N, C-alpha and C. Protein backbone atom coordinates (compact mmCIF):
# COMPACT_ATOMS: atom_id res chain seq x y z
N MET A 1 21.65 -15.50 -2.01
CA MET A 1 20.57 -14.59 -1.60
C MET A 1 19.70 -14.24 -2.80
N THR A 2 18.40 -14.30 -2.62
CA THR A 2 17.47 -13.95 -3.68
C THR A 2 17.27 -12.44 -3.72
N MET A 3 17.46 -11.85 -4.90
CA MET A 3 17.33 -10.41 -5.06
C MET A 3 16.04 -10.09 -5.80
N ILE A 4 15.19 -9.27 -5.19
CA ILE A 4 13.88 -8.95 -5.75
C ILE A 4 13.75 -7.44 -5.87
N THR A 5 13.32 -6.97 -7.03
CA THR A 5 13.05 -5.55 -7.24
C THR A 5 11.56 -5.37 -7.46
N ILE A 6 10.98 -4.40 -6.75
CA ILE A 6 9.56 -4.09 -6.86
C ILE A 6 9.43 -2.66 -7.36
N LEU A 7 8.68 -2.49 -8.44
CA LEU A 7 8.46 -1.15 -8.99
C LEU A 7 7.10 -0.65 -8.53
N GLY A 8 7.09 0.51 -7.87
CA GLY A 8 5.85 1.06 -7.34
C GLY A 8 5.72 0.83 -5.85
N ASP A 9 4.92 1.69 -5.21
CA ASP A 9 4.76 1.59 -3.75
C ASP A 9 3.29 1.48 -3.37
N SER A 10 2.48 0.86 -4.23
CA SER A 10 1.07 0.68 -3.93
C SER A 10 0.91 -0.25 -2.74
N LEU A 11 -0.30 -0.34 -2.23
CA LEU A 11 -0.57 -1.25 -1.12
C LEU A 11 -0.28 -2.69 -1.54
N ALA A 12 -0.62 -3.04 -2.77
CA ALA A 12 -0.33 -4.39 -3.26
C ALA A 12 1.17 -4.64 -3.30
N ALA A 13 1.96 -3.64 -3.68
CA ALA A 13 3.41 -3.78 -3.72
C ALA A 13 3.98 -4.03 -2.32
N LEU A 14 3.48 -3.29 -1.33
CA LEU A 14 3.95 -3.47 0.04
C LEU A 14 3.56 -4.84 0.57
N ALA A 15 2.34 -5.28 0.23
CA ALA A 15 1.89 -6.60 0.67
C ALA A 15 2.74 -7.70 0.04
N ALA A 16 3.09 -7.53 -1.23
CA ALA A 16 3.93 -8.53 -1.90
C ALA A 16 5.29 -8.65 -1.22
N ALA A 17 5.89 -7.53 -0.87
CA ALA A 17 7.19 -7.56 -0.20
C ALA A 17 7.10 -8.27 1.14
N HIS A 18 6.08 -7.97 1.91
CA HIS A 18 5.91 -8.64 3.21
C HIS A 18 5.71 -10.14 3.02
N HIS A 19 4.91 -10.51 2.03
CA HIS A 19 4.62 -11.93 1.81
C HIS A 19 5.89 -12.70 1.46
N VAL A 20 6.75 -12.10 0.66
CA VAL A 20 8.01 -12.75 0.32
C VAL A 20 8.87 -12.91 1.57
N LEU A 21 8.97 -11.86 2.37
CA LEU A 21 9.81 -11.91 3.57
C LEU A 21 9.30 -12.90 4.61
N ASP A 22 8.01 -13.19 4.59
CA ASP A 22 7.48 -14.17 5.54
C ASP A 22 8.04 -15.56 5.29
N THR A 23 8.32 -15.88 4.04
CA THR A 23 8.85 -17.20 3.71
C THR A 23 10.35 -17.18 3.45
N THR A 24 10.85 -16.00 3.03
CA THR A 24 12.28 -15.87 2.71
C THR A 24 12.82 -14.60 3.37
N PRO A 25 13.01 -14.61 4.69
CA PRO A 25 13.42 -13.40 5.41
C PRO A 25 14.77 -12.85 4.96
N GLU A 26 15.59 -13.70 4.33
CA GLU A 26 16.91 -13.25 3.88
C GLU A 26 16.87 -12.60 2.50
N ALA A 27 15.70 -12.53 1.88
CA ALA A 27 15.59 -11.95 0.55
C ALA A 27 16.04 -10.49 0.55
N ASP A 28 16.72 -10.09 -0.52
CA ASP A 28 17.17 -8.72 -0.70
C ASP A 28 16.14 -8.01 -1.57
N ILE A 29 15.33 -7.12 -0.96
CA ILE A 29 14.23 -6.47 -1.67
C ILE A 29 14.47 -4.98 -1.80
N ASN A 30 14.36 -4.48 -3.04
CA ASN A 30 14.44 -3.05 -3.33
C ASN A 30 13.09 -2.60 -3.90
N ILE A 31 12.53 -1.53 -3.33
CA ILE A 31 11.30 -0.96 -3.84
C ILE A 31 11.62 0.41 -4.43
N ILE A 32 11.27 0.59 -5.70
CA ILE A 32 11.56 1.83 -6.41
C ILE A 32 10.26 2.59 -6.63
N THR A 33 10.23 3.85 -6.21
CA THR A 33 9.03 4.66 -6.38
C THR A 33 9.41 6.09 -6.76
N GLU A 34 8.58 6.71 -7.56
CA GLU A 34 8.82 8.10 -7.94
C GLU A 34 8.33 9.06 -6.86
N LYS A 35 7.62 8.57 -5.88
CA LYS A 35 7.12 9.42 -4.80
C LYS A 35 8.23 9.77 -3.81
N ALA A 36 8.01 10.82 -3.03
CA ALA A 36 9.00 11.25 -2.05
C ALA A 36 8.80 10.57 -0.71
N GLU A 37 7.69 9.85 -0.55
CA GLU A 37 7.40 9.22 0.74
C GLU A 37 6.46 8.05 0.50
N VAL A 38 6.65 7.00 1.29
CA VAL A 38 5.75 5.85 1.24
C VAL A 38 4.63 6.08 2.24
N GLY A 39 3.40 6.11 1.77
CA GLY A 39 2.28 6.42 2.65
C GLY A 39 2.23 7.91 2.93
N LEU A 40 1.11 8.36 3.49
CA LEU A 40 0.87 9.74 3.90
C LEU A 40 0.69 10.71 2.73
N ILE A 41 1.32 10.45 1.58
CA ILE A 41 1.13 11.33 0.43
C ILE A 41 -0.05 10.80 -0.38
N GLY A 42 -1.10 11.59 -0.47
CA GLY A 42 -2.29 11.12 -1.15
C GLY A 42 -3.10 10.22 -0.24
N GLU A 43 -4.39 10.16 -0.45
CA GLU A 43 -5.25 9.37 0.41
C GLU A 43 -5.89 8.24 -0.38
N VAL A 44 -6.03 7.10 0.27
CA VAL A 44 -6.70 5.94 -0.32
C VAL A 44 -7.79 5.50 0.64
N PRO A 45 -8.78 4.75 0.14
CA PRO A 45 -9.83 4.27 1.04
C PRO A 45 -9.27 3.45 2.18
N GLY A 46 -9.87 3.64 3.36
CA GLY A 46 -9.41 2.91 4.54
C GLY A 46 -10.47 2.03 5.16
N LEU A 47 -11.48 1.66 4.38
CA LEU A 47 -12.57 0.84 4.91
C LEU A 47 -12.11 -0.61 5.06
N ILE A 48 -12.53 -1.24 6.14
CA ILE A 48 -12.13 -2.62 6.43
C ILE A 48 -13.35 -3.40 6.91
N SER A 49 -13.31 -4.71 6.73
CA SER A 49 -14.35 -5.58 7.28
C SER A 49 -13.88 -6.27 8.55
N THR A 50 -12.57 -6.47 8.65
CA THR A 50 -11.96 -7.06 9.84
C THR A 50 -10.62 -6.38 10.08
N TRP A 51 -10.15 -6.43 11.30
CA TRP A 51 -8.83 -5.90 11.63
C TRP A 51 -8.04 -6.95 12.38
N PRO A 52 -6.78 -7.18 11.98
CA PRO A 52 -6.10 -6.53 10.86
C PRO A 52 -6.46 -7.18 9.53
N PRO A 53 -6.34 -6.44 8.43
CA PRO A 53 -6.66 -6.99 7.11
C PRO A 53 -5.51 -7.76 6.49
N CYS A 54 -4.45 -7.95 7.26
CA CYS A 54 -3.26 -8.67 6.82
C CYS A 54 -2.60 -9.23 8.07
N PRO A 55 -1.57 -10.06 7.96
CA PRO A 55 -0.88 -10.53 9.16
C PRO A 55 -0.45 -9.36 10.05
N SER A 56 -0.69 -9.46 11.34
CA SER A 56 -0.46 -8.34 12.25
C SER A 56 1.00 -7.91 12.30
N HIS A 57 1.93 -8.83 12.05
CA HIS A 57 3.35 -8.46 12.13
C HIS A 57 3.79 -7.63 10.93
N TRP A 58 2.92 -7.43 9.95
CA TRP A 58 3.24 -6.53 8.85
C TRP A 58 3.09 -5.07 9.24
N ILE A 59 2.37 -4.80 10.32
CA ILE A 59 1.93 -3.44 10.63
C ILE A 59 2.74 -2.86 11.79
N SER A 60 3.38 -1.73 11.55
CA SER A 60 4.05 -1.00 12.62
C SER A 60 2.99 -0.26 13.42
N GLU A 61 3.39 0.41 14.47
CA GLU A 61 2.44 1.14 15.30
C GLU A 61 1.69 2.16 14.46
N ILE A 62 0.39 2.24 14.66
CA ILE A 62 -0.45 3.12 13.86
C ILE A 62 -1.40 3.90 14.77
N PRO A 63 -1.56 5.21 14.55
CA PRO A 63 -2.47 5.98 15.39
C PRO A 63 -3.91 5.50 15.23
N TYR A 64 -4.65 5.49 16.32
CA TYR A 64 -6.07 5.15 16.29
C TYR A 64 -6.31 3.82 15.57
N GLN A 65 -5.61 2.79 16.02
CA GLN A 65 -5.78 1.47 15.42
C GLN A 65 -7.21 0.98 15.65
N PRO A 66 -7.86 0.44 14.62
CA PRO A 66 -9.25 0.00 14.75
C PRO A 66 -9.44 -1.02 15.88
N GLN A 67 -10.53 -0.87 16.58
CA GLN A 67 -10.91 -1.79 17.64
C GLN A 67 -12.43 -1.88 17.70
N ASN A 68 -12.90 -2.92 18.35
CA ASN A 68 -14.33 -3.10 18.57
C ASN A 68 -15.12 -2.99 17.27
N ASP A 69 -16.01 -2.00 17.17
CA ASP A 69 -16.87 -1.89 16.00
C ASP A 69 -16.38 -0.88 14.97
N SER A 70 -15.16 -0.36 15.13
CA SER A 70 -14.66 0.59 14.13
C SER A 70 -14.35 -0.17 12.84
N MET A 71 -14.76 0.41 11.73
CA MET A 71 -14.65 -0.28 10.43
C MET A 71 -13.85 0.52 9.42
N ALA A 72 -12.95 1.37 9.90
CA ALA A 72 -12.12 2.16 8.98
C ALA A 72 -10.84 2.58 9.70
N VAL A 73 -9.80 2.76 8.90
CA VAL A 73 -8.53 3.29 9.37
C VAL A 73 -8.06 4.27 8.31
N ARG A 74 -7.32 5.28 8.70
CA ARG A 74 -6.83 6.19 7.68
C ARG A 74 -5.90 5.43 6.74
N GLY A 75 -6.29 5.34 5.46
CA GLY A 75 -5.57 4.50 4.51
C GLY A 75 -4.10 4.84 4.37
N SER A 76 -3.78 6.12 4.34
CA SER A 76 -2.38 6.53 4.17
C SER A 76 -1.54 6.17 5.38
N TRP A 77 -2.15 6.21 6.57
CA TRP A 77 -1.44 5.78 7.79
C TRP A 77 -1.17 4.28 7.75
N PHE A 78 -2.15 3.53 7.27
CA PHE A 78 -1.99 2.08 7.18
C PHE A 78 -0.83 1.73 6.25
N MET A 79 -0.76 2.40 5.09
CA MET A 79 0.33 2.14 4.17
C MET A 79 1.67 2.55 4.76
N LYS A 80 1.69 3.65 5.48
CA LYS A 80 2.93 4.09 6.12
C LYS A 80 3.40 3.05 7.14
N ALA A 81 2.46 2.49 7.88
CA ALA A 81 2.80 1.49 8.89
C ALA A 81 3.39 0.23 8.24
N LEU A 82 2.86 -0.15 7.07
CA LEU A 82 3.42 -1.29 6.35
C LEU A 82 4.83 -0.97 5.86
N GLY A 83 5.04 0.26 5.40
CA GLY A 83 6.35 0.65 4.92
C GLY A 83 7.39 0.68 6.03
N ILE A 84 7.00 1.18 7.19
CA ILE A 84 7.92 1.23 8.33
C ILE A 84 8.36 -0.18 8.72
N ARG A 85 7.39 -1.09 8.76
CA ARG A 85 7.73 -2.46 9.13
C ARG A 85 8.64 -3.11 8.08
N LEU A 86 8.40 -2.81 6.79
CA LEU A 86 9.28 -3.35 5.75
C LEU A 86 10.71 -2.86 5.94
N SER A 87 10.85 -1.57 6.29
CA SER A 87 12.19 -1.04 6.52
C SER A 87 12.88 -1.77 7.67
N LYS A 88 12.12 -2.07 8.71
CA LYS A 88 12.68 -2.80 9.85
C LYS A 88 13.06 -4.23 9.47
N ARG A 89 12.40 -4.75 8.43
CA ARG A 89 12.69 -6.12 7.99
C ARG A 89 13.80 -6.16 6.94
N GLY A 90 14.42 -5.00 6.67
CA GLY A 90 15.57 -4.95 5.78
C GLY A 90 15.29 -4.53 4.36
N CYS A 91 14.05 -4.20 4.04
CA CYS A 91 13.71 -3.74 2.69
C CYS A 91 14.27 -2.34 2.46
N ARG A 92 14.75 -2.07 1.25
CA ARG A 92 15.30 -0.76 0.91
C ARG A 92 14.36 -0.02 -0.03
N PHE A 93 14.10 1.27 0.27
CA PHE A 93 13.24 2.11 -0.57
C PHE A 93 14.09 3.11 -1.34
N HIS A 94 13.84 3.21 -2.63
CA HIS A 94 14.50 4.19 -3.49
C HIS A 94 13.44 5.23 -3.85
N LEU A 95 13.43 6.35 -3.11
CA LEU A 95 12.41 7.38 -3.30
C LEU A 95 12.81 8.36 -4.39
N ARG A 96 11.81 9.05 -4.94
CA ARG A 96 12.03 10.01 -6.01
C ARG A 96 12.93 9.42 -7.10
N THR A 97 12.65 8.19 -7.44
CA THR A 97 13.49 7.46 -8.39
C THR A 97 12.63 6.94 -9.54
N ARG A 98 13.11 7.14 -10.74
CA ARG A 98 12.38 6.74 -11.94
C ARG A 98 13.19 5.73 -12.73
N VAL A 99 12.53 4.64 -13.09
CA VAL A 99 13.18 3.62 -13.90
C VAL A 99 13.24 4.11 -15.35
N THR A 100 14.42 4.05 -15.94
CA THR A 100 14.58 4.48 -17.34
C THR A 100 14.54 3.31 -18.30
N THR A 101 15.17 2.21 -17.94
CA THR A 101 15.12 1.00 -18.76
C THR A 101 15.11 -0.22 -17.84
N LYS A 102 14.59 -1.31 -18.36
CA LYS A 102 14.63 -2.56 -17.61
C LYS A 102 14.83 -3.72 -18.57
N SER A 103 15.52 -4.74 -18.07
CA SER A 103 15.74 -5.96 -18.85
C SER A 103 15.29 -7.13 -17.98
N GLU A 104 15.67 -8.33 -18.36
CA GLU A 104 15.26 -9.50 -17.60
C GLU A 104 16.06 -9.65 -16.31
N THR A 105 17.14 -8.90 -16.16
CA THR A 105 17.98 -9.08 -14.97
C THR A 105 18.34 -7.78 -14.25
N GLU A 106 18.00 -6.62 -14.83
CA GLU A 106 18.38 -5.38 -14.17
C GLU A 106 17.48 -4.22 -14.59
N VAL A 107 17.46 -3.21 -13.72
CA VAL A 107 16.77 -1.95 -14.05
C VAL A 107 17.77 -0.82 -13.91
N GLN A 108 17.69 0.15 -14.81
CA GLN A 108 18.49 1.35 -14.70
C GLN A 108 17.56 2.48 -14.26
N PHE A 109 18.09 3.37 -13.43
CA PHE A 109 17.23 4.39 -12.86
C PHE A 109 17.94 5.73 -12.74
N VAL A 110 17.15 6.78 -12.60
CA VAL A 110 17.66 8.11 -12.25
C VAL A 110 16.80 8.59 -11.08
N GLY A 111 17.41 9.36 -10.20
CA GLY A 111 16.64 9.81 -9.06
C GLY A 111 17.42 10.67 -8.11
N ALA A 112 16.83 10.87 -6.94
CA ALA A 112 17.44 11.72 -5.92
C ALA A 112 18.47 10.91 -5.11
N GLY A 113 19.10 11.59 -4.17
CA GLY A 113 20.05 10.91 -3.30
C GLY A 113 21.46 10.94 -3.83
N THR A 114 22.34 10.26 -3.09
CA THR A 114 23.76 10.26 -3.44
C THR A 114 24.02 9.52 -4.74
N ARG A 115 23.15 8.54 -5.05
CA ARG A 115 23.30 7.81 -6.31
C ARG A 115 22.33 8.38 -7.33
N GLY A 116 22.64 9.48 -7.92
CA GLY A 116 21.72 10.13 -8.84
C GLY A 116 21.22 9.23 -9.94
N SER A 117 22.00 8.24 -10.33
CA SER A 117 21.59 7.26 -11.32
C SER A 117 22.35 5.97 -11.02
N GLY A 118 21.85 4.89 -11.59
CA GLY A 118 22.53 3.63 -11.34
C GLY A 118 21.76 2.45 -11.89
N THR A 119 22.20 1.26 -11.47
CA THR A 119 21.61 0.01 -11.94
C THR A 119 21.39 -0.93 -10.75
N ILE A 120 20.27 -1.61 -10.75
CA ILE A 120 19.99 -2.62 -9.74
C ILE A 120 19.74 -3.94 -10.46
N THR A 121 20.47 -4.96 -10.08
CA THR A 121 20.26 -6.28 -10.66
C THR A 121 19.29 -7.07 -9.78
N PHE A 122 18.62 -8.03 -10.37
CA PHE A 122 17.64 -8.79 -9.61
C PHE A 122 17.48 -10.19 -10.18
N ASP A 123 16.92 -11.05 -9.33
CA ASP A 123 16.52 -12.39 -9.77
C ASP A 123 15.05 -12.40 -10.19
N HIS A 124 14.27 -11.54 -9.54
CA HIS A 124 12.84 -11.47 -9.82
C HIS A 124 12.41 -10.01 -9.80
N LEU A 125 11.45 -9.69 -10.67
CA LEU A 125 10.93 -8.33 -10.76
C LEU A 125 9.40 -8.36 -10.66
N LEU A 126 8.85 -7.45 -9.84
CA LEU A 126 7.40 -7.26 -9.76
C LEU A 126 7.10 -5.80 -10.08
N ASP A 127 6.25 -5.58 -11.05
CA ASP A 127 5.95 -4.22 -11.49
C ASP A 127 4.52 -3.85 -11.07
N PHE A 128 4.42 -2.96 -10.09
CA PHE A 128 3.12 -2.51 -9.58
C PHE A 128 2.83 -1.07 -9.97
N ARG A 129 3.55 -0.54 -10.93
CA ARG A 129 3.29 0.83 -11.35
C ARG A 129 1.91 0.92 -12.00
N PRO A 130 1.21 2.02 -11.77
CA PRO A 130 -0.14 2.15 -12.32
C PRO A 130 -0.12 2.16 -13.84
N THR A 131 -1.15 1.59 -14.42
CA THR A 131 -1.31 1.58 -15.87
C THR A 131 -2.45 2.50 -16.24
N ASP A 132 -2.41 3.01 -17.45
CA ASP A 132 -3.48 3.89 -17.92
C ASP A 132 -4.72 3.07 -18.25
N GLN A 133 -5.74 3.23 -17.46
CA GLN A 133 -7.00 2.55 -17.71
C GLN A 133 -8.14 3.35 -17.11
N ASP A 134 -9.29 3.20 -17.69
CA ASP A 134 -10.45 3.94 -17.21
C ASP A 134 -10.95 3.32 -15.91
N MET A 135 -10.99 4.12 -14.86
CA MET A 135 -11.46 3.67 -13.56
C MET A 135 -12.57 4.58 -13.09
N VAL A 136 -13.42 4.04 -12.26
CA VAL A 136 -14.50 4.84 -11.68
C VAL A 136 -13.90 5.84 -10.71
N GLN A 137 -14.35 7.07 -10.79
CA GLN A 137 -13.86 8.11 -9.88
C GLN A 137 -14.81 8.23 -8.69
N TRP A 138 -14.23 8.15 -7.51
CA TRP A 138 -15.01 8.20 -6.28
C TRP A 138 -14.66 9.47 -5.50
N HIS A 139 -15.65 9.95 -4.76
CA HIS A 139 -15.47 11.11 -3.90
C HIS A 139 -15.58 10.65 -2.44
N GLY A 140 -14.60 11.06 -1.65
CA GLY A 140 -14.61 10.68 -0.25
C GLY A 140 -14.62 11.88 0.65
N LEU A 141 -15.11 11.67 1.85
CA LEU A 141 -15.06 12.73 2.85
C LEU A 141 -14.92 12.11 4.23
N VAL A 142 -14.41 12.91 5.13
CA VAL A 142 -14.29 12.52 6.53
C VAL A 142 -14.96 13.60 7.36
N CYS A 143 -15.80 13.17 8.28
CA CYS A 143 -16.47 14.12 9.17
C CYS A 143 -16.60 13.48 10.55
N ARG A 144 -17.03 14.25 11.53
CA ARG A 144 -17.30 13.67 12.83
C ARG A 144 -18.41 12.64 12.69
N THR A 145 -18.30 11.56 13.43
CA THR A 145 -19.30 10.51 13.33
C THR A 145 -20.70 11.03 13.62
N GLU A 146 -20.82 11.96 14.52
CA GLU A 146 -22.14 12.51 14.86
C GLU A 146 -22.72 13.36 13.74
N ASP A 147 -21.86 13.80 12.78
CA ASP A 147 -22.34 14.60 11.66
C ASP A 147 -22.56 13.77 10.40
N ALA A 148 -22.19 12.49 10.44
CA ALA A 148 -22.22 11.66 9.24
C ALA A 148 -23.66 11.31 8.85
N ARG A 149 -23.90 11.41 7.55
CA ARG A 149 -25.19 10.96 7.02
C ARG A 149 -25.08 9.48 6.67
N GLU A 150 -26.20 8.78 6.72
CA GLU A 150 -26.20 7.35 6.44
C GLU A 150 -25.75 7.10 5.00
N ASN A 151 -24.82 6.18 4.86
CA ASN A 151 -24.29 5.84 3.54
C ASN A 151 -23.81 4.40 3.57
N LYS A 152 -24.06 3.66 2.49
CA LYS A 152 -23.70 2.25 2.47
C LYS A 152 -22.19 2.04 2.49
N ILE A 153 -21.45 2.94 1.83
CA ILE A 153 -19.99 2.77 1.77
C ILE A 153 -19.35 3.74 2.75
N SER A 154 -19.25 3.31 3.98
CA SER A 154 -18.70 4.18 5.02
C SER A 154 -18.19 3.31 6.17
N GLY A 155 -17.40 3.93 7.03
CA GLY A 155 -16.88 3.22 8.20
C GLY A 155 -16.45 4.20 9.27
N ASN A 156 -16.70 3.85 10.52
CA ASN A 156 -16.31 4.70 11.64
C ASN A 156 -14.87 4.41 12.04
N ARG A 157 -14.15 5.47 12.35
CA ARG A 157 -12.78 5.34 12.82
C ARG A 157 -12.72 5.49 14.34
N MET A 158 -11.59 5.06 14.90
CA MET A 158 -11.44 5.11 16.36
C MET A 158 -11.28 6.53 16.90
N ASP A 159 -10.99 7.50 16.04
CA ASP A 159 -10.79 8.87 16.51
C ASP A 159 -12.09 9.68 16.53
N GLY A 160 -13.22 9.00 16.35
CA GLY A 160 -14.50 9.70 16.41
C GLY A 160 -14.94 10.30 15.08
N THR A 161 -14.30 9.88 13.99
CA THR A 161 -14.68 10.37 12.67
C THR A 161 -15.23 9.22 11.83
N THR A 162 -15.87 9.57 10.72
CA THR A 162 -16.43 8.59 9.80
C THR A 162 -15.93 8.89 8.39
N GLU A 163 -15.53 7.85 7.70
CA GLU A 163 -15.08 7.96 6.31
C GLU A 163 -16.20 7.51 5.39
N ILE A 164 -16.53 8.32 4.40
CA ILE A 164 -17.66 8.05 3.51
C ILE A 164 -17.19 8.19 2.06
N TRP A 165 -17.67 7.27 1.20
CA TRP A 165 -17.34 7.33 -0.23
C TRP A 165 -18.61 7.26 -1.07
N THR A 166 -18.68 8.11 -2.08
CA THR A 166 -19.82 8.14 -3.00
C THR A 166 -19.33 8.43 -4.40
N LYS A 167 -20.17 8.14 -5.39
CA LYS A 167 -19.82 8.47 -6.77
C LYS A 167 -20.17 9.92 -7.11
N GLU A 168 -20.97 10.52 -6.27
CA GLU A 168 -21.36 11.91 -6.47
C GLU A 168 -20.51 12.83 -5.59
N PRO A 169 -20.17 14.02 -6.06
CA PRO A 169 -19.40 14.95 -5.23
C PRO A 169 -20.13 15.25 -3.93
N PRO A 170 -19.42 15.33 -2.82
CA PRO A 170 -20.07 15.61 -1.54
C PRO A 170 -20.51 17.07 -1.45
N GLU A 171 -21.45 17.30 -0.59
CA GLU A 171 -21.87 18.68 -0.34
C GLU A 171 -20.75 19.40 0.42
N HIS A 172 -20.43 20.59 -0.03
CA HIS A 172 -19.40 21.37 0.66
C HIS A 172 -20.08 22.09 1.84
N ASN A 173 -19.80 21.61 3.02
CA ASN A 173 -20.39 22.23 4.20
C ASN A 173 -19.34 22.34 5.29
N LYS A 174 -19.72 22.91 6.38
CA LYS A 174 -18.77 23.21 7.46
C LYS A 174 -18.51 22.03 8.38
N THR A 175 -19.14 20.87 8.09
CA THR A 175 -18.91 19.71 8.95
C THR A 175 -17.87 18.75 8.36
N ASN A 176 -17.52 18.91 7.08
CA ASN A 176 -16.51 18.05 6.46
C ASN A 176 -15.12 18.44 6.96
N LEU A 177 -14.39 17.44 7.44
CA LEU A 177 -13.02 17.67 7.91
C LEU A 177 -11.99 17.38 6.83
N GLN A 178 -12.38 16.59 5.84
CA GLN A 178 -11.47 16.23 4.76
C GLN A 178 -12.30 15.80 3.56
N GLU A 179 -11.85 16.16 2.37
CA GLU A 179 -12.48 15.71 1.14
C GLU A 179 -11.40 15.09 0.25
N MET A 180 -11.74 13.97 -0.39
CA MET A 180 -10.75 13.19 -1.13
C MET A 180 -11.32 12.75 -2.46
N MET A 181 -10.44 12.35 -3.36
CA MET A 181 -10.84 11.75 -4.63
C MET A 181 -9.96 10.52 -4.85
N TRP A 182 -10.57 9.47 -5.38
CA TRP A 182 -9.85 8.22 -5.61
C TRP A 182 -10.46 7.52 -6.80
N SER A 183 -9.64 6.91 -7.64
CA SER A 183 -10.12 6.18 -8.80
C SER A 183 -9.87 4.70 -8.60
N GLY A 184 -10.90 3.90 -8.75
CA GLY A 184 -10.77 2.46 -8.56
C GLY A 184 -12.10 1.76 -8.68
N ASP A 185 -12.10 0.50 -8.33
CA ASP A 185 -13.29 -0.33 -8.49
C ASP A 185 -14.32 -0.08 -7.39
N ASP A 186 -13.95 -0.36 -6.16
CA ASP A 186 -14.89 -0.24 -5.05
C ASP A 186 -14.11 0.08 -3.78
N PRO A 187 -14.29 1.27 -3.22
CA PRO A 187 -13.53 1.64 -2.02
C PRO A 187 -13.79 0.75 -0.81
N ALA A 188 -14.94 0.09 -0.79
CA ALA A 188 -15.26 -0.77 0.35
C ALA A 188 -14.31 -1.96 0.45
N TYR A 189 -13.76 -2.39 -0.70
CA TYR A 189 -12.91 -3.58 -0.72
C TYR A 189 -11.48 -3.27 -1.14
N PHE A 190 -11.12 -2.00 -1.17
CA PHE A 190 -9.78 -1.62 -1.66
C PHE A 190 -8.68 -2.30 -0.86
N ILE A 191 -8.70 -2.18 0.46
CA ILE A 191 -7.61 -2.72 1.27
C ILE A 191 -7.53 -4.24 1.15
N SER A 192 -8.63 -4.93 1.33
CA SER A 192 -8.61 -6.39 1.30
C SER A 192 -8.17 -6.91 -0.07
N ARG A 193 -8.63 -6.28 -1.14
CA ARG A 193 -8.27 -6.75 -2.47
C ARG A 193 -6.82 -6.44 -2.82
N GLU A 194 -6.31 -5.30 -2.37
CA GLU A 194 -4.91 -4.97 -2.63
C GLU A 194 -3.98 -5.94 -1.89
N VAL A 195 -4.30 -6.25 -0.65
CA VAL A 195 -3.49 -7.20 0.12
C VAL A 195 -3.50 -8.56 -0.56
N GLU A 196 -4.68 -9.02 -0.95
CA GLU A 196 -4.80 -10.32 -1.61
C GLU A 196 -4.06 -10.32 -2.94
N SER A 197 -4.19 -9.23 -3.71
CA SER A 197 -3.52 -9.15 -5.01
C SER A 197 -2.01 -9.21 -4.85
N GLY A 198 -1.47 -8.46 -3.89
CA GLY A 198 -0.03 -8.46 -3.67
C GLY A 198 0.50 -9.83 -3.31
N MET A 199 -0.23 -10.53 -2.45
CA MET A 199 0.18 -11.88 -2.05
C MET A 199 0.12 -12.85 -3.22
N GLN A 200 -0.91 -12.75 -4.03
CA GLN A 200 -1.05 -13.65 -5.17
C GLN A 200 0.05 -13.43 -6.20
N LEU A 201 0.40 -12.16 -6.46
CA LEU A 201 1.43 -11.88 -7.45
C LEU A 201 2.82 -12.25 -6.95
N ALA A 202 3.01 -12.25 -5.64
CA ALA A 202 4.31 -12.63 -5.08
C ALA A 202 4.47 -14.15 -4.97
N GLN A 203 3.36 -14.87 -4.93
CA GLN A 203 3.43 -16.32 -4.69
C GLN A 203 4.26 -17.08 -5.72
N PRO A 204 4.14 -16.78 -7.03
CA PRO A 204 4.99 -17.51 -8.00
C PRO A 204 6.47 -17.35 -7.72
N ILE A 205 6.89 -16.18 -7.23
CA ILE A 205 8.30 -15.98 -6.88
C ILE A 205 8.65 -16.87 -5.70
N ILE A 206 7.79 -16.87 -4.70
CA ILE A 206 8.04 -17.69 -3.50
C ILE A 206 8.16 -19.16 -3.89
N ASP A 207 7.31 -19.59 -4.81
CA ASP A 207 7.31 -21.00 -5.22
C ASP A 207 8.59 -21.41 -5.94
N THR A 208 9.28 -20.43 -6.54
CA THR A 208 10.51 -20.77 -7.28
C THR A 208 11.77 -20.70 -6.41
N ILE A 209 11.64 -20.10 -5.23
CA ILE A 209 12.80 -19.98 -4.34
C ILE A 209 13.04 -21.30 -3.63
N ILE A 210 14.24 -21.81 -3.73
CA ILE A 210 14.59 -23.05 -3.06
C ILE A 210 15.06 -22.73 -1.65
N HIS A 211 14.33 -23.23 -0.68
CA HIS A 211 14.68 -22.98 0.72
C HIS A 211 15.51 -24.16 1.27
N PRO A 212 16.51 -23.85 2.08
CA PRO A 212 17.34 -24.94 2.64
C PRO A 212 16.52 -25.85 3.54
N VAL A 213 16.82 -27.12 3.47
CA VAL A 213 16.11 -28.11 4.31
C VAL A 213 16.72 -28.07 5.70
N GLU A 214 15.84 -27.95 6.71
CA GLU A 214 16.34 -27.94 8.09
C GLU A 214 16.84 -29.32 8.49
N GLN A 215 17.98 -29.32 9.15
CA GLN A 215 18.57 -30.57 9.61
C GLN A 215 17.98 -30.98 10.96
């Protein structure tokens, strides 16, 4: 059995795990994150050009799934749906867990749960933890679609709301239902690029796994 450890729970990390399982369903995958929950904590851009932005079997049931001309989904819900499906596919999540040391074959960690500390061995390691780098800071808001002002970086959701992103702080008014901040390259392509990045980084691992020849 191939043992894979993934550090971090970003969208790219979740996509990488799914991509591996598509070709090697028997793979033993552990995802280690310092967060208390996968998805729902913190908001990320949810703009899409097509739905689904990844293979449909990666996605568990999601509220207000995009249809017709809707061009956005709540990003945190989308990530949660990917995490739920990974759990159903046998992936294990180590929440509130911090890696203390790592080598070429194992990581040592401390964290919550019955195993307050321990070691996980692996054949392959993917590290998706954020690195310190200067990123553009974006301001996002969600409002009713009928209250939304025209903006190039925006998308309508199926629940009757619109998600908008700008580099300038939004006006604080009584029509905003949610205000967000996110650092990155371009919120319009966040989901598609994260999915593509995760698949690309997982591919070298997939290429090294020897699969049994069907008789």
